[in-house]
Amino acid sequence: MESDDTVSVMETQESIGNGQGRPSREQADAALHEADRIRSGIQNQPIQVPWWYFPVMGVCLVGITLAQLLPTFWTIGVTVVLAAAVGAAAGVGLRAGRYMPKVTFAQTLPFVVPVVLMVILAIVLHRSFGLRWVWYVVAALCVVFVFCVAMYHRRTLERSAQ
């Protein structure tokens, strides 16, 4: 056990710069540039998600769109449960990947906006013109969209690994 009056090696001047005193301005600048280079390399890596991530997203999106054909009470319940499943799958899938960067809202927009626009269009067509079949089309489009995103993501990972 150390007594309270001893100074650890981290607190001594000799420990700074490998025992040679304070680092020079050039050494500090070089270390900061190296840290920035490493950080930018990590931030620009695509996120590797588990194999189940895109199938679960596709199933949940299809479930949400087809739930709109159920009676109102069931529509609300199923939609809330599946929306929560999408959020949980996104959180778990991203954290289960090789590296978890901070995913910003702006980074999720290319995935979220097309799906939201398809659902809004389906709501308008269904409510205004009574076209219930539009939900089947949106469900199929969601599957195609998730498949395309998964393929793009896989190719991005393959390119980054080279």
N, C-alpha and C. Protein backbone atom coordinates (compact mmCIF):
# COMPACT_ATOMS: atom_id res chain seq x y z
N MET A 1 0.83 -1.19 0.00
CA MET A 1 0.00 0.00 0.00
C MET A 1 0.86 1.25 0.00
N GLU A 2 0.44 2.23 -0.79
CA GLU A 2 1.14 3.50 -0.83
C GLU A 2 0.59 4.40 0.26
N SER A 3 1.49 5.23 0.79
CA SER A 3 1.01 6.20 1.77
C SER A 3 0.48 7.42 1.02
N ASP A 4 -0.26 8.27 1.71
CA ASP A 4 -0.87 9.44 1.08
C ASP A 4 0.14 10.49 0.65
N ASP A 5 1.36 10.46 1.20
CA ASP A 5 2.32 11.51 0.86
C ASP A 5 3.21 11.15 -0.33
N THR A 6 3.04 9.97 -0.93
CA THR A 6 3.85 9.63 -2.10
C THR A 6 3.19 10.16 -3.36
N VAL A 7 4.01 10.43 -4.35
CA VAL A 7 3.52 10.96 -5.62
C VAL A 7 3.69 9.87 -6.67
N SER A 8 2.63 9.59 -7.40
CA SER A 8 2.73 8.55 -8.42
C SER A 8 3.59 9.06 -9.57
N VAL A 9 4.06 8.13 -10.37
CA VAL A 9 4.93 8.49 -11.49
C VAL A 9 4.17 9.34 -12.51
N MET A 10 2.85 9.22 -12.54
CA MET A 10 2.05 10.01 -13.48
C MET A 10 2.07 11.50 -13.11
N GLU A 11 2.36 11.81 -11.87
CA GLU A 11 2.29 13.19 -11.41
C GLU A 11 3.64 13.89 -11.41
N THR A 12 4.68 13.22 -11.83
CA THR A 12 6.00 13.85 -11.79
C THR A 12 6.34 14.44 -13.15
N GLN A 13 7.16 15.46 -13.17
CA GLN A 13 7.59 16.08 -14.42
C GLN A 13 8.40 15.10 -15.26
N GLU A 14 9.14 14.21 -14.60
CA GLU A 14 9.98 13.29 -15.34
C GLU A 14 9.17 12.30 -16.17
N SER A 15 7.94 12.04 -15.76
CA SER A 15 7.13 11.06 -16.48
C SER A 15 6.57 11.63 -17.78
N ILE A 16 6.54 12.94 -17.94
CA ILE A 16 6.00 13.56 -19.16
C ILE A 16 7.04 13.44 -20.27
N GLY A 17 6.59 12.95 -21.41
CA GLY A 17 7.50 12.83 -22.57
C GLY A 17 8.54 11.76 -22.39
N ASN A 18 8.20 10.66 -21.79
CA ASN A 18 9.11 9.53 -21.59
C ASN A 18 10.36 9.92 -20.79
N GLY A 19 10.18 10.67 -19.74
CA GLY A 19 11.28 11.02 -18.87
C GLY A 19 12.14 12.15 -19.37
N GLN A 20 11.79 12.81 -20.43
CA GLN A 20 12.61 13.87 -20.99
C GLN A 20 11.97 15.24 -20.75
N GLY A 21 11.11 15.38 -19.77
CA GLY A 21 10.43 16.64 -19.52
C GLY A 21 9.23 16.78 -20.43
N ARG A 22 8.76 17.98 -20.58
CA ARG A 22 7.57 18.24 -21.41
C ARG A 22 7.90 18.00 -22.89
N PRO A 23 6.89 17.50 -23.65
CA PRO A 23 7.14 17.32 -25.08
C PRO A 23 7.24 18.68 -25.76
N SER A 24 7.96 18.71 -26.84
CA SER A 24 8.09 19.97 -27.59
C SER A 24 6.77 20.27 -28.30
N ARG A 25 6.66 21.48 -28.79
CA ARG A 25 5.45 21.88 -29.53
C ARG A 25 5.26 20.99 -30.76
N GLU A 26 6.34 20.67 -31.44
CA GLU A 26 6.27 19.83 -32.62
C GLU A 26 5.80 18.41 -32.27
N GLN A 27 6.32 17.87 -31.15
CA GLN A 27 5.90 16.54 -30.72
C GLN A 27 4.42 16.53 -30.36
N ALA A 28 3.97 17.57 -29.67
CA ALA A 28 2.55 17.65 -29.30
C ALA A 28 1.68 17.78 -30.54
N ASP A 29 2.08 18.62 -31.50
CA ASP A 29 1.33 18.77 -32.75
C ASP A 29 1.27 17.45 -33.52
N ALA A 30 2.39 16.75 -33.57
CA ALA A 30 2.43 15.47 -34.28
C ALA A 30 1.50 14.45 -33.62
N ALA A 31 1.50 14.42 -32.29
CA ALA A 31 0.63 13.50 -31.57
C ALA A 31 -0.85 13.84 -31.81
N LEU A 32 -1.18 15.13 -31.82
CA LEU A 32 -2.57 15.53 -32.07
C LEU A 32 -3.00 15.20 -33.50
N HIS A 33 -2.11 15.42 -34.47
CA HIS A 33 -2.43 15.08 -35.86
C HIS A 33 -2.63 13.58 -36.02
N GLU A 34 -1.81 12.79 -35.35
CA GLU A 34 -1.95 11.34 -35.42
C GLU A 34 -3.28 10.90 -34.80
N ALA A 35 -3.65 11.50 -33.67
CA ALA A 35 -4.93 11.18 -33.02
C ALA A 35 -6.10 11.56 -33.93
N ASP A 36 -6.04 12.71 -34.59
CA ASP A 36 -7.09 13.13 -35.53
C ASP A 36 -7.19 12.19 -36.72
N ARG A 37 -6.03 11.74 -37.22
CA ARG A 37 -6.01 10.81 -38.35
C ARG A 37 -6.68 9.49 -37.97
N ILE A 38 -6.36 8.99 -36.79
CA ILE A 38 -6.95 7.73 -36.32
C ILE A 38 -8.45 7.90 -36.10
N ARG A 39 -8.85 9.00 -35.48
CA ARG A 39 -10.27 9.26 -35.22
C ARG A 39 -11.06 9.34 -36.53
N SER A 40 -10.53 10.06 -37.52
CA SER A 40 -11.26 10.18 -38.78
C SER A 40 -11.33 8.84 -39.50
N GLY A 41 -10.30 8.02 -39.37
CA GLY A 41 -10.34 6.69 -39.97
C GLY A 41 -11.39 5.81 -39.34
N ILE A 42 -11.55 5.91 -38.04
CA ILE A 42 -12.56 5.13 -37.33
C ILE A 42 -13.95 5.64 -37.67
N GLN A 43 -14.13 6.95 -37.70
CA GLN A 43 -15.45 7.52 -37.96
C GLN A 43 -15.92 7.24 -39.38
N ASN A 44 -15.02 7.06 -40.32
CA ASN A 44 -15.40 6.84 -41.71
C ASN A 44 -15.60 5.37 -42.04
N GLN A 45 -15.40 4.49 -41.06
CA GLN A 45 -15.63 3.07 -41.30
C GLN A 45 -17.12 2.81 -41.36
N PRO A 46 -17.57 1.98 -42.29
CA PRO A 46 -18.99 1.62 -42.28
C PRO A 46 -19.28 0.75 -41.07
N ILE A 47 -20.51 0.82 -40.62
CA ILE A 47 -20.93 0.06 -39.45
C ILE A 47 -21.19 -1.37 -39.87
N GLN A 48 -20.60 -2.31 -39.17
CA GLN A 48 -20.85 -3.72 -39.46
C GLN A 48 -21.94 -4.19 -38.52
N VAL A 49 -23.05 -4.64 -39.08
CA VAL A 49 -24.17 -5.10 -38.28
C VAL A 49 -24.27 -6.61 -38.37
N PRO A 50 -24.95 -7.25 -37.40
CA PRO A 50 -25.11 -8.71 -37.44
C PRO A 50 -25.94 -9.15 -38.65
N TRP A 51 -25.83 -10.42 -38.99
CA TRP A 51 -26.52 -10.97 -40.16
C TRP A 51 -28.02 -10.80 -40.07
N TRP A 52 -28.60 -10.81 -38.87
CA TRP A 52 -30.05 -10.78 -38.69
C TRP A 52 -30.64 -9.37 -38.77
N TYR A 53 -29.81 -8.35 -38.79
CA TYR A 53 -30.28 -6.97 -38.70
C TYR A 53 -31.24 -6.60 -39.84
N PHE A 54 -30.85 -6.79 -41.08
CA PHE A 54 -31.70 -6.39 -42.20
C PHE A 54 -32.94 -7.27 -42.35
N PRO A 55 -32.85 -8.59 -42.17
CA PRO A 55 -34.10 -9.38 -42.20
C PRO A 55 -35.11 -8.96 -41.13
N VAL A 56 -34.63 -8.67 -39.93
CA VAL A 56 -35.55 -8.23 -38.87
C VAL A 56 -36.18 -6.89 -39.24
N MET A 57 -35.38 -5.98 -39.76
CA MET A 57 -35.93 -4.68 -40.18
C MET A 57 -36.99 -4.88 -41.27
N GLY A 58 -36.72 -5.72 -42.24
CA GLY A 58 -37.68 -5.97 -43.30
C GLY A 58 -38.97 -6.56 -42.79
N VAL A 59 -38.88 -7.56 -41.91
CA VAL A 59 -40.08 -8.19 -41.35
C VAL A 59 -40.89 -7.18 -40.54
N CYS A 60 -40.22 -6.37 -39.74
CA CYS A 60 -40.93 -5.37 -38.94
C CYS A 60 -41.61 -4.33 -39.82
N LEU A 61 -40.94 -3.85 -40.86
CA LEU A 61 -41.55 -2.86 -41.75
C LEU A 61 -42.74 -3.44 -42.50
N VAL A 62 -42.63 -4.68 -42.96
CA VAL A 62 -43.76 -5.33 -43.62
C VAL A 62 -44.92 -5.49 -42.63
N GLY A 63 -44.59 -5.88 -41.41
CA GLY A 63 -45.63 -6.03 -40.38
C GLY A 63 -46.34 -4.72 -40.09
N ILE A 64 -45.58 -3.64 -40.02
CA ILE A 64 -46.18 -2.33 -39.75
C ILE A 64 -47.10 -1.92 -40.90
N THR A 65 -46.66 -2.12 -42.13
CA THR A 65 -47.50 -1.71 -43.25
C THR A 65 -48.74 -2.58 -43.37
N LEU A 66 -48.61 -3.89 -43.20
CA LEU A 66 -49.78 -4.75 -43.31
C LEU A 66 -50.71 -4.64 -42.11
N ALA A 67 -50.19 -4.19 -40.98
CA ALA A 67 -51.05 -3.98 -39.80
C ALA A 67 -52.09 -2.90 -40.06
N GLN A 68 -51.85 -2.05 -41.05
CA GLN A 68 -52.81 -0.99 -41.36
C GLN A 68 -54.10 -1.56 -41.93
N LEU A 69 -54.10 -2.81 -42.33
CA LEU A 69 -55.30 -3.45 -42.85
C LEU A 69 -56.15 -4.07 -41.75
N LEU A 70 -55.65 -4.10 -40.54
CA LEU A 70 -56.39 -4.67 -39.41
C LEU A 70 -57.39 -3.65 -38.87
N PRO A 71 -58.33 -4.12 -38.03
CA PRO A 71 -59.21 -3.15 -37.37
C PRO A 71 -58.39 -2.17 -36.53
N THR A 72 -58.90 -0.98 -36.29
CA THR A 72 -58.15 0.13 -35.69
C THR A 72 -57.44 -0.26 -34.39
N PHE A 73 -58.12 -0.94 -33.48
CA PHE A 73 -57.50 -1.30 -32.21
C PHE A 73 -56.24 -2.13 -32.45
N TRP A 74 -56.34 -3.14 -33.32
CA TRP A 74 -55.20 -4.00 -33.59
C TRP A 74 -54.12 -3.28 -34.37
N THR A 75 -54.52 -2.38 -35.25
CA THR A 75 -53.55 -1.61 -36.02
C THR A 75 -52.63 -0.83 -35.09
N ILE A 76 -53.23 -0.15 -34.14
CA ILE A 76 -52.44 0.66 -33.20
C ILE A 76 -51.51 -0.23 -32.38
N GLY A 77 -52.04 -1.30 -31.84
CA GLY A 77 -51.22 -2.20 -31.00
C GLY A 77 -50.07 -2.82 -31.75
N VAL A 78 -50.37 -3.38 -32.91
CA VAL A 78 -49.33 -4.05 -33.71
C VAL A 78 -48.29 -3.03 -34.18
N THR A 79 -48.75 -1.86 -34.60
CA THR A 79 -47.81 -0.83 -35.08
C THR A 79 -46.88 -0.37 -33.96
N VAL A 80 -47.42 -0.16 -32.77
CA VAL A 80 -46.58 0.28 -31.65
C VAL A 80 -45.56 -0.80 -31.29
N VAL A 81 -46.00 -2.04 -31.23
CA VAL A 81 -45.09 -3.14 -30.87
C VAL A 81 -43.99 -3.30 -31.93
N LEU A 82 -44.38 -3.26 -33.20
CA LEU A 82 -43.37 -3.44 -34.25
C LEU A 82 -42.46 -2.22 -34.39
N ALA A 83 -42.98 -1.03 -34.14
CA ALA A 83 -42.11 0.16 -34.15
C ALA A 83 -41.09 0.07 -33.01
N ALA A 84 -41.53 -0.41 -31.87
CA ALA A 84 -40.58 -0.62 -30.76
C ALA A 84 -39.55 -1.69 -31.13
N ALA A 85 -39.99 -2.73 -31.85
CA ALA A 85 -39.06 -3.78 -32.28
C ALA A 85 -38.03 -3.21 -33.27
N VAL A 86 -38.46 -2.31 -34.15
CA VAL A 86 -37.52 -1.68 -35.08
C VAL A 86 -36.48 -0.90 -34.30
N GLY A 87 -36.93 -0.11 -33.32
CA GLY A 87 -36.00 0.66 -32.49
C GLY A 87 -35.04 -0.23 -31.72
N ALA A 88 -35.57 -1.30 -31.13
CA ALA A 88 -34.73 -2.22 -30.37
C ALA A 88 -33.74 -2.93 -31.29
N ALA A 89 -34.21 -3.38 -32.44
CA ALA A 89 -33.31 -4.06 -33.39
C ALA A 89 -32.22 -3.12 -33.86
N ALA A 90 -32.58 -1.87 -34.10
CA ALA A 90 -31.58 -0.90 -34.54
C ALA A 90 -30.53 -0.70 -33.45
N GLY A 91 -30.98 -0.51 -32.22
CA GLY A 91 -30.04 -0.31 -31.11
C GLY A 91 -29.15 -1.51 -30.87
N VAL A 92 -29.76 -2.69 -30.78
CA VAL A 92 -28.99 -3.92 -30.52
C VAL A 92 -28.10 -4.26 -31.70
N GLY A 93 -28.65 -4.13 -32.91
CA GLY A 93 -27.88 -4.48 -34.10
C GLY A 93 -26.66 -3.61 -34.28
N LEU A 94 -26.81 -2.33 -34.03
CA LEU A 94 -25.67 -1.42 -34.18
C LEU A 94 -24.63 -1.67 -33.09
N ARG A 95 -25.09 -1.95 -31.88
CA ARG A 95 -24.15 -2.18 -30.78
C ARG A 95 -23.47 -3.55 -30.88
N ALA A 96 -24.12 -4.49 -31.54
CA ALA A 96 -23.56 -5.83 -31.68
C ALA A 96 -22.53 -5.90 -32.81
N GLY A 97 -22.42 -4.85 -33.57
CA GLY A 97 -21.48 -4.82 -34.68
C GLY A 97 -20.04 -4.72 -34.21
N ARG A 98 -19.15 -4.74 -35.16
CA ARG A 98 -17.72 -4.71 -34.88
C ARG A 98 -17.30 -3.43 -34.18
N TYR A 99 -17.91 -2.33 -34.57
CA TYR A 99 -17.53 -1.04 -34.01
C TYR A 99 -18.77 -0.17 -33.97
N MET A 100 -19.00 0.50 -32.87
CA MET A 100 -20.19 1.32 -32.73
C MET A 100 -19.82 2.79 -32.67
N PRO A 101 -19.86 3.46 -33.81
CA PRO A 101 -19.64 4.91 -33.75
C PRO A 101 -20.91 5.59 -33.27
N LYS A 102 -20.83 6.86 -33.04
CA LYS A 102 -22.02 7.61 -32.68
C LYS A 102 -22.81 7.85 -33.96
N VAL A 103 -23.97 7.22 -34.06
CA VAL A 103 -24.80 7.37 -35.25
C VAL A 103 -25.68 8.59 -35.04
N THR A 104 -25.59 9.53 -35.97
CA THR A 104 -26.36 10.76 -35.84
C THR A 104 -27.71 10.61 -36.54
N PHE A 105 -28.61 11.51 -36.21
CA PHE A 105 -29.93 11.52 -36.85
C PHE A 105 -29.79 11.68 -38.36
N ALA A 106 -28.88 12.54 -38.78
CA ALA A 106 -28.68 12.77 -40.21
C ALA A 106 -28.25 11.50 -40.94
N GLN A 107 -27.50 10.63 -40.26
CA GLN A 107 -27.07 9.38 -40.89
C GLN A 107 -28.21 8.39 -41.06
N THR A 108 -29.26 8.52 -40.28
CA THR A 108 -30.40 7.61 -40.40
C THR A 108 -31.40 8.06 -41.45
N LEU A 109 -31.33 9.32 -41.87
CA LEU A 109 -32.31 9.87 -42.81
C LEU A 109 -32.40 9.12 -44.14
N PRO A 110 -31.30 8.71 -44.76
CA PRO A 110 -31.43 7.99 -46.04
C PRO A 110 -32.22 6.69 -45.91
N PHE A 111 -32.28 6.12 -44.73
CA PHE A 111 -33.04 4.89 -44.53
C PHE A 111 -34.48 5.21 -44.11
N VAL A 112 -34.66 6.21 -43.28
CA VAL A 112 -35.97 6.50 -42.71
C VAL A 112 -36.87 7.27 -43.67
N VAL A 113 -36.34 8.27 -44.35
CA VAL A 113 -37.17 9.15 -45.18
C VAL A 113 -37.93 8.40 -46.28
N PRO A 114 -37.31 7.53 -47.07
CA PRO A 114 -38.08 6.83 -48.11
C PRO A 114 -39.22 5.98 -47.54
N VAL A 115 -38.97 5.31 -46.42
CA VAL A 115 -40.01 4.48 -45.82
C VAL A 115 -41.16 5.35 -45.32
N VAL A 116 -40.83 6.45 -44.65
CA VAL A 116 -41.87 7.35 -44.14
C VAL A 116 -42.68 7.93 -45.29
N LEU A 117 -42.02 8.32 -46.36
CA LEU A 117 -42.74 8.87 -47.52
C LEU A 117 -43.67 7.84 -48.15
N MET A 118 -43.22 6.59 -48.25
CA MET A 118 -44.09 5.54 -48.78
C MET A 118 -45.32 5.33 -47.90
N VAL A 119 -45.12 5.34 -46.59
CA VAL A 119 -46.23 5.14 -45.67
C VAL A 119 -47.20 6.31 -45.73
N ILE A 120 -46.69 7.53 -45.80
CA ILE A 120 -47.57 8.71 -45.90
C ILE A 120 -48.39 8.64 -47.19
N LEU A 121 -47.74 8.29 -48.30
CA LEU A 121 -48.47 8.16 -49.56
C LEU A 121 -49.55 7.09 -49.45
N ALA A 122 -49.23 5.98 -48.82
CA ALA A 122 -50.21 4.91 -48.65
C ALA A 122 -51.38 5.37 -47.78
N ILE A 123 -51.09 6.11 -46.72
CA ILE A 123 -52.17 6.62 -45.86
C ILE A 123 -53.10 7.52 -46.66
N VAL A 124 -52.53 8.42 -47.44
CA VAL A 124 -53.34 9.35 -48.24
C VAL A 124 -54.20 8.58 -49.24
N LEU A 125 -53.61 7.64 -49.96
CA LEU A 125 -54.37 6.88 -50.95
C LEU A 125 -55.45 6.01 -50.31
N HIS A 126 -55.13 5.42 -49.17
CA HIS A 126 -56.10 4.56 -48.49
C HIS A 126 -57.25 5.38 -47.91
N ARG A 127 -56.93 6.46 -47.22
CA ARG A 127 -57.97 7.28 -46.57
C ARG A 127 -58.79 8.08 -47.58
N SER A 128 -58.14 8.59 -48.61
CA SER A 128 -58.84 9.45 -49.57
C SER A 128 -59.65 8.66 -50.60
N PHE A 129 -59.11 7.55 -51.07
CA PHE A 129 -59.75 6.83 -52.16
C PHE A 129 -60.15 5.40 -51.80
N GLY A 130 -59.91 5.00 -50.55
CA GLY A 130 -60.31 3.66 -50.12
C GLY A 130 -59.49 2.55 -50.76
N LEU A 131 -58.27 2.85 -51.18
CA LEU A 131 -57.42 1.86 -51.84
C LEU A 131 -56.65 1.04 -50.81
N ARG A 132 -57.25 -0.03 -50.36
CA ARG A 132 -56.60 -0.87 -49.34
C ARG A 132 -55.39 -1.63 -49.92
N TRP A 133 -55.42 -1.93 -51.21
CA TRP A 133 -54.36 -2.70 -51.84
C TRP A 133 -53.01 -1.97 -51.80
N VAL A 134 -53.05 -0.65 -51.58
CA VAL A 134 -51.81 0.11 -51.59
C VAL A 134 -50.86 -0.36 -50.47
N TRP A 135 -51.43 -0.90 -49.40
CA TRP A 135 -50.58 -1.39 -48.29
C TRP A 135 -49.76 -2.60 -48.71
N TYR A 136 -50.30 -3.44 -49.59
CA TYR A 136 -49.53 -4.58 -50.10
C TYR A 136 -48.36 -4.10 -50.96
N VAL A 137 -48.62 -3.07 -51.75
CA VAL A 137 -47.56 -2.50 -52.59
C VAL A 137 -46.46 -1.89 -51.72
N VAL A 138 -46.87 -1.14 -50.69
CA VAL A 138 -45.88 -0.52 -49.80
C VAL A 138 -45.09 -1.59 -49.06
N ALA A 139 -45.76 -2.66 -48.64
CA ALA A 139 -45.04 -3.75 -47.96
C ALA A 139 -43.99 -4.35 -48.89
N ALA A 140 -44.36 -4.59 -50.14
CA ALA A 140 -43.40 -5.13 -51.11
C ALA A 140 -42.26 -4.14 -51.36
N LEU A 141 -42.60 -2.85 -51.48
CA LEU A 141 -41.56 -1.84 -51.69
C LEU A 141 -40.61 -1.75 -50.49
N CYS A 142 -41.14 -1.92 -49.29
CA CYS A 142 -40.28 -1.91 -48.09
C CYS A 142 -39.29 -3.06 -48.12
N VAL A 143 -39.76 -4.24 -48.54
CA VAL A 143 -38.86 -5.39 -48.63
C VAL A 143 -37.77 -5.12 -49.66
N VAL A 144 -38.15 -4.60 -50.82
CA VAL A 144 -37.16 -4.29 -51.87
C VAL A 144 -36.19 -3.23 -51.37
N PHE A 145 -36.69 -2.22 -50.70
CA PHE A 145 -35.85 -1.14 -50.19
C PHE A 145 -34.85 -1.66 -49.16
N VAL A 146 -35.30 -2.47 -48.21
CA VAL A 146 -34.40 -3.02 -47.19
C VAL A 146 -33.36 -3.93 -47.85
N PHE A 147 -33.77 -4.71 -48.85
CA PHE A 147 -32.82 -5.56 -49.57
C PHE A 147 -31.75 -4.71 -50.26
N CYS A 148 -32.17 -3.63 -50.92
CA CYS A 148 -31.22 -2.75 -51.60
C CYS A 148 -30.26 -2.09 -50.61
N VAL A 149 -30.77 -1.65 -49.49
CA VAL A 149 -29.91 -1.04 -48.47
C VAL A 149 -28.92 -2.08 -47.94
N ALA A 150 -29.39 -3.31 -47.73
CA ALA A 150 -28.50 -4.37 -47.24
C ALA A 150 -27.39 -4.67 -48.26
N MET A 151 -27.75 -4.72 -49.54
CA MET A 151 -26.74 -4.99 -50.57
C MET A 151 -25.74 -3.84 -50.67
N TYR A 152 -26.22 -2.62 -50.61
CA TYR A 152 -25.33 -1.45 -50.63
C TYR A 152 -24.39 -1.49 -49.42
N HIS A 153 -24.95 -1.81 -48.27
CA HIS A 153 -24.15 -1.87 -47.04
C HIS A 153 -23.08 -2.95 -47.15
N ARG A 154 -23.45 -4.12 -47.69
CA ARG A 154 -22.48 -5.21 -47.84
C ARG A 154 -21.34 -4.81 -48.78
N ARG A 155 -21.69 -4.18 -49.88
CA ARG A 155 -20.64 -3.75 -50.83
C ARG A 155 -19.75 -2.69 -50.22
N THR A 156 -20.32 -1.78 -49.44
CA THR A 156 -19.52 -0.76 -48.77
C THR A 156 -18.54 -1.41 -47.81
N LEU A 157 -18.99 -2.41 -47.06
CA LEU A 157 -18.10 -3.13 -46.14
C LEU A 157 -16.98 -3.85 -46.90
N GLU A 158 -17.34 -4.47 -48.02
CA GLU A 158 -16.33 -5.19 -48.80
C GLU A 158 -15.27 -4.23 -49.35
N ARG A 159 -15.71 -3.07 -49.84
CA ARG A 159 -14.75 -2.08 -50.35
C ARG A 159 -13.85 -1.55 -49.26
N SER A 160 -14.41 -1.34 -48.07
CA SER A 160 -13.60 -0.79 -46.98
C SER A 160 -12.59 -1.81 -46.45
N ALA A 161 -12.89 -3.08 -46.64
CA ALA A 161 -11.98 -4.15 -46.16
C ALA A 161 -10.79 -4.32 -47.08
N GLN A 162 -10.88 -3.83 -48.30
CA GLN A 162 -9.79 -4.01 -49.26
C GLN A 162 -8.67 -3.03 -49.04
